[in-house]
Amino acid sequence: MAKEFAQKDAMKPYCSRYPTREYSGWKARKYTKLLQEQDRSAAFIRGFYFGYEEYYFKFHDLYCGL
């Protein structure tokens, strides 16, 4: 799930500068309400944040050619 969301978000990257952890964390947290509405546990949501950040950087590198 985190991989799909991160890939979708990274497809519109700002390639002029490399994103920070704070930026990717902010992007991941925008899905908190959706995950809570799906009755996901706190542990699942923390894992989602971690996976999202990792995938976001990988896809950003792929799409920006870094």
PDB file of N, CA and C in Angstrom:
ATOM      1  N   MET A   1       0.821  -1.181   0.000  1.00  0.00           N
ATOM      2  CA  MET A   1       0.000   0.000   0.000  1.00  0.00           C
ATOM      3  C   MET A   1       0.875   1.258   0.000  1.00  0.00           C
ATOM      4  N   ALA A   2       1.894   1.277   0.860  1.00  0.00           N
ATOM      5  CA  ALA A   2       2.792   2.431   0.926  1.00  0.00           C
ATOM      6  C   ALA A   2       3.521   2.623  -0.400  1.00  0.00           C
ATOM      7  N   LYS A   3       3.900   1.518  -1.018  1.00  0.00           N
ATOM      8  CA  LYS A   3       4.615   1.591  -2.292  1.00  0.00           C
ATOM      9  C   LYS A   3       3.752   2.254  -3.364  1.00  0.00           C
ATOM     10  N   GLU A   4       2.500   1.877  -3.439  1.00  0.00           N
ATOM     11  CA  GLU A   4       1.602   2.444  -4.456  1.00  0.00           C
ATOM     12  C   GLU A   4       1.399   3.944  -4.261  1.00  0.00           C
ATOM     13  N   PHE A   5       1.165   4.355  -3.021  1.00  0.00           N
ATOM     14  CA  PHE A   5       0.953   5.771  -2.747  1.00  0.00           C
ATOM     15  C   PHE A   5       2.225   6.580  -3.001  1.00  0.00           C
ATOM     16  N   ALA A   6       3.370   6.055  -2.584  1.00  0.00           N
ATOM     17  CA  ALA A   6       4.632   6.755  -2.785  1.00  0.00           C
ATOM     18  C   ALA A   6       4.952   6.898  -4.268  1.00  0.00           C
ATOM     19  N   GLN A   7       4.692   5.858  -5.041  1.00  0.00           N
ATOM     20  CA  GLN A   7       4.962   5.927  -6.470  1.00  0.00           C
ATOM     21  C   GLN A   7       4.085   6.977  -7.130  1.00  0.00           C
ATOM     22  N   LYS A   8       2.809   6.997  -6.785  1.00  0.00           N
ATOM     23  CA  LYS A   8       1.883   7.976  -7.354  1.00  0.00           C
ATOM     24  C   LYS A   8       2.346   9.401  -7.015  1.00  0.00           C
ATOM     25  N   ASP A   9       2.744   9.623  -5.763  1.00  0.00           N
ATOM     26  CA  ASP A   9       3.171  10.957  -5.347  1.00  0.00           C
ATOM     27  C   ASP A   9       4.508  11.351  -5.977  1.00  0.00           C
ATOM     28  N   ALA A  10       5.393  10.398  -6.159  1.00  0.00           N
ATOM     29  CA  ALA A  10       6.714  10.697  -6.718  1.00  0.00           C
ATOM     30  C   ALA A  10       6.662  10.924  -8.224  1.00  0.00           C
ATOM     31  N   MET A  11       5.580  10.557  -8.872  1.00  0.00           N
ATOM     32  CA  MET A  11       5.476  10.755 -10.317  1.00  0.00           C
ATOM     33  C   MET A  11       5.359  12.237 -10.667  1.00  0.00           C
ATOM     34  N   LYS A  12       5.063  13.062  -9.688  1.00  0.00           N
ATOM     35  CA  LYS A  12       5.003  14.507  -9.887  1.00  0.00           C
ATOM     36  C   LYS A  12       6.080  15.160  -9.012  1.00  0.00           C
ATOM     37  N   PRO A  13       7.324  14.775  -9.211  1.00  0.00           N
ATOM     38  CA  PRO A  13       8.383  15.246  -8.307  1.00  0.00           C
ATOM     39  C   PRO A  13       8.838  16.663  -8.616  1.00  0.00           C
ATOM     40  N   TYR A  14       9.419  17.230  -7.615  1.00  0.00           N
ATOM     41  CA  TYR A  14      10.104  18.505  -7.774  1.00  0.00           C
ATOM     42  C   TYR A  14      11.580  18.166  -7.908  1.00  0.00           C
ATOM     43  N   CYS A  15      12.036  18.025  -9.135  1.00  0.00           N
ATOM     44  CA  CYS A  15      13.377  17.526  -9.388  1.00  0.00           C
ATOM     45  C   CYS A  15      14.472  18.574  -9.192  1.00  0.00           C
ATOM     46  N   SER A  16      14.093  19.803  -8.980  1.00  0.00           N
ATOM     47  CA  SER A  16      15.117  20.831  -8.831  1.00  0.00           C
ATOM     48  C   SER A  16      15.878  20.686  -7.519  1.00  0.00           C
ATOM     49  N   ARG A  17      15.278  20.008  -6.548  1.00  0.00           N
ATOM     50  CA  ARG A  17      15.984  19.784  -5.284  1.00  0.00           C
ATOM     51  C   ARG A  17      15.570  18.438  -4.720  1.00  0.00           C
ATOM     52  N   TYR A  18      16.465  17.854  -3.953  1.00  0.00           N
ATOM     53  CA  TYR A  18      16.203  16.546  -3.371  1.00  0.00           C
ATOM     54  C   TYR A  18      15.290  16.704  -2.164  1.00  0.00           C
ATOM     55  N   PRO A  19      14.250  15.885  -2.036  1.00  0.00           N
ATOM     56  CA  PRO A  19      13.325  16.034  -0.904  1.00  0.00           C
ATOM     57  C   PRO A  19      13.987  15.647   0.417  1.00  0.00           C
ATOM     58  N   THR A  20      13.553  16.287   1.460  1.00  0.00           N
ATOM     59  CA  THR A  20      14.066  15.980   2.795  1.00  0.00           C
ATOM     60  C   THR A  20      13.198  14.909   3.447  1.00  0.00           C
ATOM     61  N   ARG A  21      13.671  14.352   4.542  1.00  0.00           N
ATOM     62  CA  ARG A  21      12.876  13.381   5.311  1.00  0.00           C
ATOM     63  C   ARG A  21      11.599  14.040   5.830  1.00  0.00           C
ATOM     64  N   GLU A  22      11.707  15.327   6.215  1.00  0.00           N
ATOM     65  CA  GLU A  22      10.526  16.030   6.710  1.00  0.00           C
ATOM     66  C   GLU A  22       9.465  16.125   5.614  1.00  0.00           C
ATOM     67  N   TYR A  23       9.895  16.382   4.397  1.00  0.00           N
ATOM     68  CA  TYR A  23       8.961  16.499   3.280  1.00  0.00           C
ATOM     69  C   TYR A  23       8.286  15.165   3.001  1.00  0.00           C
ATOM     70  N   SER A  24       9.065  14.106   2.938  1.00  0.00           N
ATOM     71  CA  SER A  24       8.466  12.799   2.659  1.00  0.00           C
ATOM     72  C   SER A  24       7.582  12.360   3.820  1.00  0.00           C
ATOM     73  N   GLY A  25       7.958  12.711   5.042  1.00  0.00           N
ATOM     74  CA  GLY A  25       7.119  12.393   6.192  1.00  0.00           C
ATOM     75  C   GLY A  25       5.796  13.130   6.138  1.00  0.00           C
ATOM     76  N   TRP A  26       5.840  14.376   5.723  1.00  0.00           N
ATOM     77  CA  TRP A  26       4.617  15.165   5.571  1.00  0.00           C
ATOM     78  C   TRP A  26       3.718  14.540   4.509  1.00  0.00           C
ATOM     79  N   LYS A  27       4.336  14.118   3.410  1.00  0.00           N
ATOM     80  CA  LYS A  27       3.557  13.485   2.340  1.00  0.00           C
ATOM     81  C   LYS A  27       2.906  12.194   2.848  1.00  0.00           C
ATOM     82  N   ALA A  28       3.630  11.412   3.627  1.00  0.00           N
ATOM     83  CA  ALA A  28       3.086  10.155   4.151  1.00  0.00           C
ATOM     84  C   ALA A  28       1.942  10.416   5.131  1.00  0.00           C
ATOM     85  N   ARG A  29       2.082  11.434   5.967  1.00  0.00           N
ATOM     86  CA  ARG A  29       1.065  11.717   6.979  1.00  0.00           C
ATOM     87  C   ARG A  29      -0.249  12.212   6.389  1.00  0.00           C
ATOM     88  N   LYS A  30      -0.236  12.637   5.147  1.00  0.00           N
ATOM     89  CA  LYS A  30      -1.501  13.080   4.554  1.00  0.00           C
ATOM     90  C   LYS A  30      -2.468  11.913   4.358  1.00  0.00           C
ATOM     91  N   TYR A  31      -1.990  10.689   4.487  1.00  0.00           N
ATOM     92  CA  TYR A  31      -2.833   9.504   4.366  1.00  0.00           C
ATOM     93  C   TYR A  31      -3.330   8.979   5.712  1.00  0.00           C
ATOM     94  N   THR A  32      -2.991   9.665   6.800  1.00  0.00           N
ATOM     95  CA  THR A  32      -3.367   9.205   8.131  1.00  0.00           C
ATOM     96  C   THR A  32      -4.872   9.036   8.273  1.00  0.00           C
ATOM     97  N   LYS A  33      -5.628  10.030   7.871  1.00  0.00           N
ATOM     98  CA  LYS A  33      -7.081   9.959   8.022  1.00  0.00           C
ATOM     99  C   LYS A  33      -7.662   8.783   7.242  1.00  0.00           C
ATOM    100  N   LEU A  34      -7.189   8.587   6.021  1.00  0.00           N
ATOM    101  CA  LEU A  34      -7.657   7.465   5.211  1.00  0.00           C
ATOM    102  C   LEU A  34      -7.387   6.141   5.920  1.00  0.00           C
ATOM    103  N   LEU A  35      -6.188   5.983   6.458  1.00  0.00           N
ATOM    104  CA  LEU A  35      -5.822   4.740   7.139  1.00  0.00           C
ATOM    105  C   LEU A  35      -6.654   4.542   8.402  1.00  0.00           C
ATOM    106  N   GLN A  36      -6.907   5.626   9.138  1.00  0.00           N
ATOM    107  CA  GLN A  36      -7.733   5.524  10.335  1.00  0.00           C
ATOM    108  C   GLN A  36      -9.169   5.151   9.987  1.00  0.00           C
ATOM    109  N   GLU A  37      -9.671   5.697   8.892  1.00  0.00           N
ATOM    110  CA  GLU A  37     -11.031   5.365   8.451  1.00  0.00           C
ATOM    111  C   GLU A  37     -11.143   3.896   8.049  1.00  0.00           C
ATOM    112  N   GLN A  38     -10.027   3.312   7.652  1.00  0.00           N
ATOM    113  CA  GLN A  38     -10.003   1.885   7.303  1.00  0.00           C
ATOM    114  C   GLN A  38      -9.736   1.017   8.531  1.00  0.00           C
ATOM    115  N   ASP A  39      -9.746   1.635   9.709  1.00  0.00           N
ATOM    116  CA  ASP A  39      -9.512   0.939  10.989  1.00  0.00           C
ATOM    117  C   ASP A  39      -8.149   0.252  11.048  1.00  0.00           C
ATOM    118  N   ARG A  40      -7.155   0.904  10.481  1.00  0.00           N
ATOM    119  CA  ARG A  40      -5.791   0.372  10.556  1.00  0.00           C
ATOM    120  C   ARG A  40      -5.218   0.657  11.945  1.00  0.00           C
ATOM    121  N   SER A  41      -4.406  -0.240  12.449  1.00  0.00           N
ATOM    122  CA  SER A  41      -3.816  -0.077  13.779  1.00  0.00           C
ATOM    123  C   SER A  41      -2.720   0.973  13.752  1.00  0.00           C
ATOM    124  N   ALA A  42      -2.353   1.446  14.933  1.00  0.00           N
ATOM    125  CA  ALA A  42      -1.269   2.429  15.047  1.00  0.00           C
ATOM    126  C   ALA A  42       0.038   1.837  14.534  1.00  0.00           C
ATOM    127  N   ALA A  43       0.263   0.565  14.800  1.00  0.00           N
ATOM    128  CA  ALA A  43       1.481  -0.097  14.315  1.00  0.00           C
ATOM    129  C   ALA A  43       1.496  -0.148  12.790  1.00  0.00           C
ATOM    130  N   PHE A  44       0.350  -0.436  12.192  1.00  0.00           N
ATOM    131  CA  PHE A  44       0.265  -0.455  10.730  1.00  0.00           C
ATOM    132  C   PHE A  44       0.577   0.928  10.165  1.00  0.00           C
ATOM    133  N   ILE A  45       0.022   1.968  10.768  1.00  0.00           N
ATOM    134  CA  ILE A  45       0.227   3.329  10.272  1.00  0.00           C
ATOM    135  C   ILE A  45       1.701   3.733  10.386  1.00  0.00           C
ATOM    136  N   ARG A  46       2.353   3.385  11.488  1.00  0.00           N
ATOM    137  CA  ARG A  46       3.788   3.672  11.618  1.00  0.00           C
ATOM    138  C   ARG A  46       4.590   2.935  10.552  1.00  0.00           C
ATOM    139  N   GLY A  47       4.232   1.684  10.300  1.00  0.00           N
ATOM    140  CA  GLY A  47       4.900   0.921   9.248  1.00  0.00           C
ATOM    141  C   GLY A  47       4.654   1.525   7.877  1.00  0.00           C
ATOM    142  N   PHE A  48       3.443   2.010   7.666  1.00  0.00           N
ATOM    143  CA  PHE A  48       3.118   2.683   6.409  1.00  0.00           C
ATOM    144  C   PHE A  48       4.018   3.895   6.218  1.00  0.00           C
ATOM    145  N   TYR A  49       4.176   4.725   7.263  1.00  0.00           N
ATOM    146  CA  TYR A  49       5.033   5.910   7.173  1.00  0.00           C
ATOM    147  C   TYR A  49       6.456   5.520   6.792  1.00  0.00           C
ATOM    148  N   PHE A  50       6.982   4.498   7.455  1.00  0.00           N
ATOM    149  CA  PHE A  50       8.348   4.058   7.183  1.00  0.00           C
ATOM    150  C   PHE A  50       8.478   3.570   5.736  1.00  0.00           C
ATOM    151  N   GLY A  51       7.569   2.717   5.310  1.00  0.00           N
ATOM    152  CA  GLY A  51       7.618   2.197   3.942  1.00  0.00           C
ATOM    153  C   GLY A  51       7.437   3.289   2.911  1.00  0.00           C
ATOM    154  N   TYR A  52       6.526   4.205   3.168  1.00  0.00           N
ATOM    155  CA  TYR A  52       6.265   5.303   2.247  1.00  0.00           C
ATOM    156  C   TYR A  52       7.534   6.120   2.029  1.00  0.00           C
ATOM    157  N   GLU A  53       8.192   6.496   3.125  1.00  0.00           N
ATOM    158  CA  GLU A  53       9.403   7.310   3.001  1.00  0.00           C
ATOM    159  C   GLU A  53      10.477   6.592   2.197  1.00  0.00           C
ATOM    160  N   GLU A  54      10.682   5.322   2.468  1.00  0.00           N
ATOM    161  CA  GLU A  54      11.692   4.562   1.733  1.00  0.00           C
ATOM    162  C   GLU A  54      11.354   4.498   0.241  1.00  0.00           C
ATOM    163  N   TYR A  55      10.125   4.167  -0.072  1.00  0.00           N
ATOM    164  CA  TYR A  55       9.724   4.079  -1.474  1.00  0.00           C
ATOM    165  C   TYR A  55       9.700   5.443  -2.150  1.00  0.00           C
ATOM    166  N   TYR A  56       9.310   6.481  -1.419  1.00  0.00           N
ATOM    167  CA  TYR A  56       9.252   7.809  -2.023  1.00  0.00           C
ATOM    168  C   TYR A  56      10.628   8.225  -2.530  1.00  0.00           C
ATOM    169  N   PHE A  57      11.665   8.009  -1.734  1.00  0.00           N
ATOM    170  CA  PHE A  57      13.018   8.378  -2.162  1.00  0.00           C
ATOM    171  C   PHE A  57      13.469   7.532  -3.352  1.00  0.00           C
ATOM    172  N   LYS A  58      13.151   6.257  -3.344  1.00  0.00           N
ATOM    173  CA  LYS A  58      13.536   5.398  -4.476  1.00  0.00           C
ATOM    174  C   LYS A  58      12.858   5.840  -5.769  1.00  0.00           C
ATOM    175  N   PHE A  59      11.566   6.108  -5.696  1.00  0.00           N
ATOM    176  CA  PHE A  59      10.854   6.541  -6.897  1.00  0.00           C
ATOM    177  C   PHE A  59      11.257   7.953  -7.321  1.00  0.00           C
ATOM    178  N   HIS A  60      11.547   8.817  -6.363  1.00  0.00           N
ATOM    179  CA  HIS A  60      12.017  10.164  -6.708  1.00  0.00           C
ATOM    180  C   HIS A  60      13.325  10.059  -7.489  1.00  0.00           C
ATOM    181  N   ASP A  61      14.239   9.223  -7.024  1.00  0.00           N
ATOM    182  CA  ASP A  61      15.506   9.020  -7.729  1.00  0.00           C
ATOM    183  C   ASP A  61      15.259   8.464  -9.125  1.00  0.00           C
ATOM    184  N   LEU A  62      14.345   7.547  -9.250  1.00  0.00           N
ATOM    185  CA  LEU A  62      14.043   6.930 -10.549  1.00  0.00           C
ATOM    186  C   LEU A  62      13.478   7.951 -11.516  1.00  0.00           C
ATOM    187  N   TYR A  63      12.503   8.700 -11.097  1.00  0.00           N
ATOM    188  CA  TYR A  63      11.836   9.647 -11.992  1.00  0.00           C
ATOM    189  C   TYR A  63      12.653  10.907 -12.263  1.00  0.00           C
ATOM    190  N   CYS A  64      13.512  11.269 -11.325  1.00  0.00           N
ATOM    191  CA  CYS A  64      14.328  12.472 -11.533  1.00  0.00           C
ATOM    192  C   CYS A  64      15.695  12.147 -12.113  1.00  0.00           C
ATOM    193  N   GLY A  65      16.011  10.866 -12.227  1.00  0.00           N
ATOM    194  CA  GLY A  65      17.277  10.468 -12.822  1.00  0.00           C
ATOM    195  C   GLY A  65      18.491  10.797 -11.985  1.00  0.00           C
ATOM    196  N   LEU A  66      18.320  10.749 -10.652  1.00  0.00           N
ATOM    197  CA  LEU A  66      19.451  11.060  -9.757  1.00  0.00           C
ATOM    198  C   LEU A  66      20.229   9.832  -9.445  1.00  0.00           C
TER     199      LEU A  66
END
